N, C-alpha and C. Protein backbone atom coordinates (compact mmCIF):
# COMPACT_ATOMS: atom_id res chain seq x y z
N MET A 1 28.16 -5.98 -5.48
CA MET A 1 29.46 -5.86 -4.31
C MET A 1 28.59 -5.59 -3.08
N LYS A 2 27.95 -4.49 -2.82
CA LYS A 2 27.42 -3.61 -1.73
C LYS A 2 26.23 -4.80 -1.23
N ILE A 3 25.32 -5.41 -2.03
CA ILE A 3 24.44 -6.45 -1.69
C ILE A 3 25.04 -7.32 -0.87
N ILE A 4 26.07 -8.25 -1.42
CA ILE A 4 27.05 -9.18 -0.75
C ILE A 4 27.72 -8.74 0.46
N SER A 5 28.22 -7.30 0.56
CA SER A 5 28.60 -6.81 1.82
C SER A 5 27.66 -6.67 2.92
N PHE A 6 26.47 -6.60 2.60
CA PHE A 6 25.04 -6.29 3.51
C PHE A 6 24.95 -7.24 4.12
N ILE A 7 24.96 -8.63 3.04
CA ILE A 7 24.55 -9.77 3.51
C ILE A 7 25.75 -10.25 4.39
N ILE A 8 27.01 -9.94 4.15
CA ILE A 8 27.75 -10.80 5.30
C ILE A 8 27.86 -9.95 6.52
N SER A 9 27.53 -8.65 6.67
CA SER A 9 27.56 -7.92 7.95
C SER A 9 26.33 -8.35 8.59
N LYS A 10 25.27 -8.75 7.88
CA LYS A 10 24.06 -9.28 8.73
C LYS A 10 24.21 -10.68 9.06
N SER A 11 24.99 -11.30 8.83
CA SER A 11 25.19 -12.61 8.97
C SER A 11 25.84 -12.97 10.43
N SER A 12 25.87 -13.96 10.85
CA SER A 12 26.38 -14.37 12.09
C SER A 12 27.77 -13.60 12.02
N ALA A 13 28.42 -13.66 13.63
CA ALA A 13 29.61 -13.36 13.66
C ALA A 13 30.76 -14.02 13.11
N LYS A 14 30.41 -15.26 13.25
CA LYS A 14 31.74 -16.30 12.80
C LYS A 14 31.83 -16.33 11.42
N GLN A 15 30.74 -15.96 10.37
CA GLN A 15 31.06 -15.84 9.01
C GLN A 15 31.67 -14.29 8.52
N CYS A 16 31.65 -13.68 9.61
CA CYS A 16 32.55 -12.06 9.35
C CYS A 16 33.93 -12.12 9.73
N ASP A 17 34.63 -13.19 10.11
CA ASP A 17 35.95 -13.35 10.34
C ASP A 17 36.66 -14.10 9.22
N PHE A 18 36.12 -13.59 7.97
CA PHE A 18 36.86 -14.06 6.73
C PHE A 18 36.96 -15.72 6.59
N THR A 19 35.82 -16.27 7.18
CA THR A 19 35.92 -17.68 7.00
C THR A 19 35.03 -17.85 5.63
N PRO A 20 35.37 -18.88 4.86
CA PRO A 20 34.46 -19.13 3.60
C PRO A 20 32.94 -19.09 3.72
N ILE A 21 32.22 -18.52 3.05
CA ILE A 21 31.03 -18.39 3.33
C ILE A 21 30.17 -19.37 2.68
N ASP A 22 29.12 -20.41 3.16
CA ASP A 22 28.51 -21.39 2.69
C ASP A 22 27.55 -20.84 1.77
N SER A 23 27.54 -21.33 0.54
CA SER A 23 26.62 -20.97 -0.69
C SER A 23 25.54 -21.15 -0.51
N THR A 24 25.00 -22.43 0.19
CA THR A 24 23.62 -22.79 0.57
C THR A 24 23.13 -21.83 1.35
N ALA A 25 23.83 -20.82 2.19
CA ALA A 25 23.28 -19.87 3.03
C ALA A 25 23.23 -18.56 2.43
N LEU A 26 24.26 -18.39 1.54
CA LEU A 26 24.43 -16.90 0.94
C LEU A 26 23.20 -16.76 -0.58
N PHE A 27 22.73 -17.80 -1.07
CA PHE A 27 21.88 -17.45 -2.14
C PHE A 27 20.68 -17.39 -1.62
N PRO A 28 19.93 -18.26 -0.55
CA PRO A 28 18.70 -17.79 -0.17
C PRO A 28 18.85 -16.07 0.39
N LYS A 29 19.76 -15.75 1.16
CA LYS A 29 19.70 -14.32 1.46
C LYS A 29 19.50 -13.27 0.26
N ILE A 30 20.64 -13.69 -0.83
CA ILE A 30 20.39 -12.79 -1.75
C ILE A 30 18.88 -12.77 -2.66
N ASN A 31 18.35 -13.94 -2.65
CA ASN A 31 16.81 -14.13 -3.30
C ASN A 31 16.02 -13.25 -2.57
N PHE A 32 16.04 -13.48 -1.20
CA PHE A 32 15.43 -12.41 -0.35
C PHE A 32 15.56 -11.49 -0.13
N ILE A 33 16.66 -10.61 -0.47
CA ILE A 33 16.75 -8.98 -0.80
C ILE A 33 16.16 -8.73 -2.34
N LEU A 34 16.59 -9.50 -3.13
CA LEU A 34 16.26 -9.17 -4.58
C LEU A 34 14.66 -9.38 -4.77
N GLY A 35 14.02 -10.26 -3.96
CA GLY A 35 12.58 -10.34 -3.88
C GLY A 35 11.91 -8.94 -3.24
N ASN A 36 12.43 -8.81 -2.18
CA ASN A 36 12.15 -7.47 -1.46
C ASN A 36 12.05 -6.20 -2.68
N PHE A 37 13.20 -5.86 -3.33
CA PHE A 37 13.13 -5.28 -4.12
C PHE A 37 12.07 -5.25 -5.33
N SER A 38 12.10 -6.31 -5.83
CA SER A 38 10.91 -6.47 -6.92
C SER A 38 9.66 -6.11 -6.20
N THR A 39 9.29 -6.44 -4.92
CA THR A 39 7.86 -6.09 -4.50
C THR A 39 8.15 -4.62 -4.41
N LEU A 40 9.02 -3.81 -4.00
CA LEU A 40 9.07 -2.58 -4.06
C LEU A 40 8.68 -1.91 -5.14
N ASN A 41 9.40 -2.49 -6.57
CA ASN A 41 9.18 -2.08 -7.83
C ASN A 41 7.73 -2.25 -8.07
N ILE A 42 7.07 -3.20 -7.55
CA ILE A 42 5.55 -3.57 -8.06
C ILE A 42 4.64 -2.42 -7.47
N VAL A 43 4.81 -1.82 -6.34
CA VAL A 43 4.19 -0.90 -5.62
C VAL A 43 4.44 0.40 -6.27
N LEU A 44 5.61 0.72 -6.63
CA LEU A 44 5.88 2.00 -7.08
C LEU A 44 5.41 1.99 -8.54
N ASN A 45 5.46 0.76 -9.52
CA ASN A 45 4.72 1.01 -10.60
C ASN A 45 3.30 1.41 -10.70
N ARG A 46 2.62 0.67 -9.43
CA ARG A 46 1.26 0.93 -9.34
C ARG A 46 0.95 2.21 -8.98
N PHE A 47 1.61 2.79 -8.16
CA PHE A 47 1.67 4.33 -7.84
C PHE A 47 1.76 5.20 -8.91
N GLU A 48 2.72 4.96 -10.00
CA GLU A 48 2.96 5.75 -11.02
C GLU A 48 1.65 5.35 -12.20
N LYS A 49 0.91 4.54 -12.04
CA LYS A 49 0.02 4.37 -13.31
C LYS A 49 -1.28 4.80 -12.85
N LYS A 50 -1.03 5.01 -11.63
CA LYS A 50 -2.35 5.82 -11.04
C LYS A 50 -2.60 7.18 -11.70
N ASP A 51 -3.83 7.49 -12.22
CA ASP A 51 -4.23 8.74 -12.74
C ASP A 51 -4.20 10.00 -11.71
N LEU A 52 -2.90 10.66 -11.73
CA LEU A 52 -2.94 11.97 -11.05
C LEU A 52 -3.19 12.93 -11.94
N PHE A 53 -3.78 14.01 -11.19
CA PHE A 53 -4.42 15.38 -11.98
C PHE A 53 -3.96 16.45 -11.36
N ILE A 54 -3.80 17.47 -12.12
CA ILE A 54 -3.62 18.96 -11.65
C ILE A 54 -5.19 19.60 -12.23
N TYR A 55 -5.44 20.52 -11.37
CA TYR A 55 -6.58 21.52 -11.91
C TYR A 55 -5.92 22.92 -12.11
N THR A 56 -6.14 23.46 -13.26
CA THR A 56 -5.58 24.91 -13.67
C THR A 56 -6.41 25.58 -13.91
N LYS A 57 -6.37 26.82 -13.71
CA LYS A 57 -7.27 27.98 -14.46
C LYS A 57 -6.58 28.49 -15.42
N ILE A 58 -7.22 28.60 -16.52
CA ILE A 58 -6.97 29.23 -17.85
C ILE A 58 -7.99 30.13 -18.19
N GLY A 59 -7.64 31.42 -18.04
CA GLY A 59 -8.89 32.24 -18.46
C GLY A 59 -10.15 32.29 -17.29
N HIS A 60 -11.53 31.90 -17.78
CA HIS A 60 -12.47 32.09 -16.86
C HIS A 60 -12.68 30.59 -16.77
N GLU A 61 -11.91 29.69 -17.22
CA GLU A 61 -12.24 28.08 -17.26
C GLU A 61 -11.36 27.25 -16.10
N VAL A 62 -11.55 26.32 -15.67
CA VAL A 62 -10.82 25.23 -14.77
C VAL A 62 -10.51 23.88 -15.58
N HIS A 63 -9.19 23.74 -15.97
CA HIS A 63 -9.29 22.49 -16.67
C HIS A 63 -8.47 21.58 -15.88
N LYS A 64 -8.79 20.17 -15.84
CA LYS A 64 -8.23 19.05 -15.28
C LYS A 64 -7.21 18.40 -16.19
N LEU A 65 -5.73 18.62 -15.60
CA LEU A 65 -4.94 17.88 -16.82
C LEU A 65 -4.43 16.70 -16.26
N LYS A 66 -4.33 15.66 -17.01
CA LYS A 66 -3.75 14.41 -16.42
C LYS A 66 -2.25 14.83 -16.39
N VAL A 67 -1.52 14.33 -15.18
CA VAL A 67 -0.13 14.82 -15.03
C VAL A 67 0.59 13.88 -16.00
N ASN A 68 0.44 12.51 -16.53
CA ASN A 68 1.00 11.91 -17.31
C ASN A 68 1.10 12.38 -18.52
N ASP A 69 -0.09 12.91 -18.86
CA ASP A 69 0.01 13.68 -20.64
C ASP A 69 0.70 15.15 -20.71
N LEU A 70 1.16 15.59 -19.46
CA LEU A 70 1.90 16.51 -19.43
C LEU A 70 3.71 16.38 -20.50
N LEU A 71 3.71 17.07 -21.41
CA LEU A 71 5.07 16.89 -22.13
C LEU A 71 6.04 17.85 -21.59
N TRP A 72 5.99 19.04 -22.45
CA TRP A 72 6.73 20.20 -21.94
C TRP A 72 5.85 21.31 -21.75
N ILE A 73 6.72 22.48 -21.35
CA ILE A 73 6.03 23.79 -20.70
C ILE A 73 6.96 24.89 -21.67
N LYS A 74 6.52 25.67 -22.12
CA LYS A 74 7.21 26.85 -22.85
C LYS A 74 6.72 28.13 -22.45
N SER A 75 7.62 28.86 -22.28
CA SER A 75 7.44 30.57 -21.78
C SER A 75 7.44 31.27 -22.58
N SER A 76 6.50 31.99 -23.00
CA SER A 76 6.52 33.01 -23.90
C SER A 76 5.90 34.31 -23.10
N ASP A 77 6.73 35.13 -22.85
CA ASP A 77 6.48 36.60 -22.18
C ASP A 77 5.81 36.29 -20.99
N LYS A 78 4.69 36.69 -20.67
CA LYS A 78 3.98 36.72 -19.24
C LYS A 78 3.13 35.53 -19.15
N TYR A 79 3.30 34.41 -20.48
CA TYR A 79 2.40 33.04 -20.53
C TYR A 79 3.38 32.26 -20.58
N VAL A 80 2.73 30.93 -20.14
CA VAL A 80 3.14 29.77 -20.38
C VAL A 80 2.39 28.59 -21.20
N VAL A 81 2.64 28.07 -22.34
CA VAL A 81 2.14 27.11 -23.19
C VAL A 81 2.35 25.81 -22.73
N ILE A 82 1.61 24.96 -22.38
CA ILE A 82 1.45 23.72 -21.29
C ILE A 82 1.31 22.87 -22.45
N HIS A 83 2.28 22.10 -23.02
CA HIS A 83 1.82 20.95 -24.27
C HIS A 83 1.66 19.54 -23.35
N THR A 84 0.25 19.00 -23.92
CA THR A 84 0.08 17.56 -23.60
C THR A 84 0.06 16.74 -24.79
N LYS A 85 -0.19 15.81 -24.55
CA LYS A 85 -0.54 14.73 -25.44
C LYS A 85 -1.50 15.30 -26.96
N HIS A 86 -2.55 15.77 -26.28
CA HIS A 86 -3.51 15.81 -27.21
C HIS A 86 -3.78 17.48 -27.60
N ARG A 87 -3.18 18.29 -26.87
CA ARG A 87 -3.38 19.49 -27.19
C ARG A 87 -2.48 20.57 -26.23
N PHE A 88 -2.77 22.01 -26.68
CA PHE A 88 -1.86 22.71 -25.76
C PHE A 88 -2.78 23.91 -24.78
N TYR A 89 -2.13 24.51 -23.81
CA TYR A 89 -2.89 25.42 -23.16
C TYR A 89 -2.09 26.79 -22.88
N LEU A 90 -2.87 27.56 -23.05
CA LEU A 90 -2.04 29.00 -22.76
C LEU A 90 -2.43 29.46 -21.74
N LYS A 91 -1.57 29.59 -20.50
CA LYS A 91 -1.96 30.34 -19.28
C LYS A 91 -1.11 31.51 -18.86
N ARG A 92 -1.58 32.31 -18.37
CA ARG A 92 -0.66 33.50 -17.65
C ARG A 92 0.02 32.99 -16.51
N ASP A 93 1.39 32.77 -16.51
CA ASP A 93 1.97 32.36 -15.52
C ASP A 93 3.45 32.25 -15.66
N ASN A 94 4.29 32.15 -14.96
CA ASN A 94 5.41 31.81 -15.57
C ASN A 94 6.04 30.05 -15.09
N ILE A 95 7.00 29.85 -15.62
CA ILE A 95 7.58 28.18 -15.71
C ILE A 95 7.79 28.10 -14.13
N GLU A 96 8.58 28.66 -13.45
CA GLU A 96 8.70 28.27 -11.95
C GLU A 96 7.74 28.34 -11.26
N SER A 97 6.77 29.07 -11.34
CA SER A 97 5.65 29.05 -10.42
C SER A 97 4.50 28.05 -10.95
N PHE A 98 4.62 28.03 -12.10
CA PHE A 98 3.31 26.80 -12.49
C PHE A 98 3.86 25.46 -12.03
N ILE A 99 5.25 25.28 -12.21
CA ILE A 99 6.13 23.64 -11.63
C ILE A 99 5.75 23.81 -10.35
N GLY A 100 6.23 25.06 -9.49
CA GLY A 100 6.08 24.88 -8.07
C GLY A 100 4.78 24.85 -7.39
N SER A 101 3.87 25.15 -8.03
CA SER A 101 2.64 25.49 -7.43
C SER A 101 1.71 23.93 -7.62
N ASN A 102 2.07 23.28 -8.75
CA ASN A 102 1.59 21.97 -9.00
C ASN A 102 2.59 20.86 -8.68
N ASN A 103 3.67 20.99 -7.96
CA ASN A 103 4.61 19.93 -7.46
C ASN A 103 4.81 18.79 -8.70
N LEU A 104 5.23 19.70 -9.62
CA LEU A 104 5.62 19.03 -10.91
C LEU A 104 6.85 18.59 -10.92
N SER A 105 7.16 17.65 -10.06
CA SER A 105 8.76 17.23 -9.58
C SER A 105 9.43 16.81 -11.07
N MET A 106 8.67 15.85 -11.78
CA MET A 106 9.18 15.38 -13.02
C MET A 106 9.65 16.34 -13.93
N PHE A 107 9.31 17.62 -13.91
CA PHE A 107 9.87 18.52 -14.52
C PHE A 107 11.22 19.12 -14.46
N VAL A 108 12.14 19.39 -15.65
CA VAL A 108 13.16 19.84 -15.27
C VAL A 108 13.63 21.05 -16.64
N ARG A 109 13.92 22.10 -15.91
CA ARG A 109 14.19 23.40 -16.80
C ARG A 109 15.58 22.75 -17.78
N ILE A 110 15.33 23.18 -18.90
CA ILE A 110 16.38 22.71 -19.65
C ILE A 110 16.92 24.26 -20.76
N HIS A 111 16.21 24.91 -20.49
CA HIS A 111 16.29 26.47 -21.38
C HIS A 111 15.90 27.40 -20.58
N ARG A 112 15.93 28.67 -20.84
CA ARG A 112 15.15 29.76 -20.25
C ARG A 112 13.68 29.81 -20.65
N SER A 113 13.40 29.11 -21.74
CA SER A 113 12.17 29.16 -22.28
C SER A 113 11.65 28.07 -22.19
N TYR A 114 11.92 26.76 -21.68
CA TYR A 114 11.46 25.29 -21.44
C TYR A 114 11.58 24.70 -20.45
N ALA A 115 10.91 23.93 -20.10
CA ALA A 115 10.86 23.07 -19.09
C ALA A 115 10.36 21.68 -19.69
N VAL A 116 10.82 20.47 -19.22
CA VAL A 116 10.37 19.18 -20.15
C VAL A 116 9.99 18.20 -19.04
N ASN A 117 9.15 17.12 -19.33
CA ASN A 117 8.89 16.27 -18.37
C ASN A 117 9.78 15.05 -18.61
N ILE A 118 10.73 14.79 -17.60
CA ILE A 118 11.70 13.92 -18.00
C ILE A 118 11.39 12.55 -18.41
N LYS A 119 10.31 12.16 -17.99
CA LYS A 119 9.60 10.60 -18.42
C LYS A 119 9.34 10.81 -19.67
N LYS A 120 8.91 11.57 -20.03
CA LYS A 120 8.60 11.71 -21.46
C LYS A 120 9.55 12.04 -22.82
N ILE A 121 10.90 12.27 -22.34
CA ILE A 121 12.03 12.49 -23.23
C ILE A 121 12.22 11.08 -23.94
N ASP A 122 12.41 11.19 -25.40
CA ASP A 122 12.67 10.19 -26.15
C ASP A 122 14.20 10.04 -26.63
N SER A 123 14.93 11.19 -26.85
CA SER A 123 16.34 11.07 -27.20
C SER A 123 16.90 12.83 -26.67
N VAL A 124 18.15 12.42 -26.56
CA VAL A 124 18.95 13.75 -26.35
C VAL A 124 20.13 13.88 -27.36
N LYS A 125 20.14 14.31 -28.46
CA LYS A 125 20.72 14.52 -29.41
C LYS A 125 21.79 15.86 -29.19
N GLY A 126 22.80 15.92 -29.05
CA GLY A 126 23.32 17.50 -28.80
C GLY A 126 22.78 18.12 -27.94
N ARG A 127 22.45 19.40 -28.38
CA ARG A 127 22.10 20.45 -27.87
C ARG A 127 20.37 20.38 -27.95
N LYS A 128 20.07 19.33 -28.12
CA LYS A 128 18.55 19.13 -28.28
C LYS A 128 17.83 18.07 -27.77
N VAL A 129 16.56 18.14 -27.06
CA VAL A 129 15.93 17.17 -26.53
C VAL A 129 14.53 16.83 -27.45
N LEU A 130 14.45 15.49 -27.76
CA LEU A 130 13.41 14.88 -28.68
C LEU A 130 12.17 14.31 -27.69
N ILE A 131 11.29 14.94 -27.88
CA ILE A 131 9.81 14.45 -27.41
C ILE A 131 8.68 14.23 -28.43
N GLY A 132 8.33 13.04 -28.92
CA GLY A 132 7.83 12.72 -29.96
C GLY A 132 8.05 13.25 -31.14
N ASN A 133 7.78 14.13 -32.14
CA ASN A 133 8.68 14.77 -32.97
C ASN A 133 9.14 16.18 -32.84
N GLN A 134 8.86 16.64 -31.67
CA GLN A 134 9.27 17.82 -31.26
C GLN A 134 10.71 18.06 -30.61
N GLU A 135 11.54 18.86 -31.59
CA GLU A 135 12.77 19.17 -31.06
C GLU A 135 12.89 20.67 -29.94
N ILE A 136 13.67 20.14 -28.96
CA ILE A 136 13.38 21.31 -27.77
C ILE A 136 14.93 21.75 -27.51
N PRO A 137 15.39 22.92 -27.69
CA PRO A 137 16.70 23.34 -27.12
C PRO A 137 17.12 23.29 -25.70
N ILE A 138 18.23 22.94 -25.77
CA ILE A 138 18.81 22.90 -24.65
C ILE A 138 19.95 23.80 -24.26
N SER A 139 20.02 24.79 -23.43
CA SER A 139 20.68 25.96 -23.21
C SER A 139 22.12 25.37 -22.56
N LYS A 140 23.26 26.22 -22.68
CA LYS A 140 24.60 25.77 -21.72
C LYS A 140 24.07 25.84 -20.51
N THR A 141 23.32 26.71 -20.01
CA THR A 141 23.06 27.16 -18.65
C THR A 141 22.73 25.78 -18.05
N TYR A 142 21.52 25.29 -18.42
CA TYR A 142 20.56 24.17 -18.16
C TYR A 142 21.11 22.93 -18.24
N TYR A 143 22.08 22.70 -19.19
CA TYR A 143 22.59 21.39 -19.43
C TYR A 143 22.87 20.42 -18.43
N LYS A 144 23.66 21.05 -17.52
CA LYS A 144 24.25 20.02 -16.29
C LYS A 144 23.07 19.79 -15.50
N THR A 145 22.11 20.56 -15.30
CA THR A 145 20.71 20.17 -14.61
C THR A 145 20.22 18.83 -15.30
N LEU A 146 20.03 18.81 -16.55
CA LEU A 146 19.60 17.87 -17.34
C LEU A 146 20.21 16.64 -17.15
N GLN A 147 21.41 16.78 -16.87
CA GLN A 147 22.34 15.72 -16.89
C GLN A 147 22.59 14.86 -15.34
N LYS A 148 22.24 16.23 -14.50
CA LYS A 148 22.03 15.41 -13.04
C LYS A 148 20.67 14.64 -13.07
N SER A 149 19.60 15.12 -13.70
CA SER A 149 18.20 14.75 -13.27
C SER A 149 18.19 13.42 -14.17
N PHE A 150 18.78 13.21 -15.09
CA PHE A 150 18.86 11.96 -16.06
C PHE A 150 19.84 10.88 -15.34
N HIS A 151 20.66 11.05 -14.27
CA HIS A 151 21.57 10.05 -13.84
C HIS A 151 22.46 9.62 -14.83
N PHE A 152 22.47 10.09 -15.97
CA PHE A 152 23.58 9.08 -16.87
C PHE A 152 24.50 10.45 -17.23
N GLN A 153 25.26 11.03 -16.27
CA GLN A 153 26.27 11.89 -16.89
C GLN A 153 27.07 11.31 -17.57
N ASN A 154 27.65 10.11 -17.75
CA ASN A 154 28.65 9.79 -18.57
C ASN A 154 28.44 9.45 -19.89
N LEU A 155 26.92 9.27 -20.02
CA LEU A 155 26.54 9.04 -21.52
C LEU A 155 26.31 10.28 -22.39
N PHE A 156 26.26 11.47 -21.83
CA PHE A 156 26.45 12.93 -21.97
C PHE A 156 27.92 13.49 -22.47
N LYS A 157 29.14 12.42 -22.10
CA LYS A 157 30.40 13.05 -22.44
C LYS A 157 30.72 12.66 -24.12
């Protein structure tokens, strides 16, 4: 409905006077707008597929981690355990600092001890997130945060 309102508002003044709209003029405009959205999606998909890396110092070694491989982060006292597709890394840091310093905007906090990569969530069942075969708890405090970041609030009711 918003697309049609946009098209009507961008049409000539005569068509905005609640006169019938000529379908031969309307459909090309709708196709033009939808074509621009699909072009934008192609560009965004190409950007997402680009391999982005973060470099993190763990002990005396600097590791290059592919951002798309990061699954979840677990806090354990003064350390974080960074879980990837292939292995995990133990780093002296806290979750907020690690996420903030590496600009990991795709991570959302779901528990005092856990942050997950939103793009890697397979399912949400009750108060647990499933990534691969790993169940990660969702606390009451962070449940709303997960809902907002998923943009599917009505699915959680």
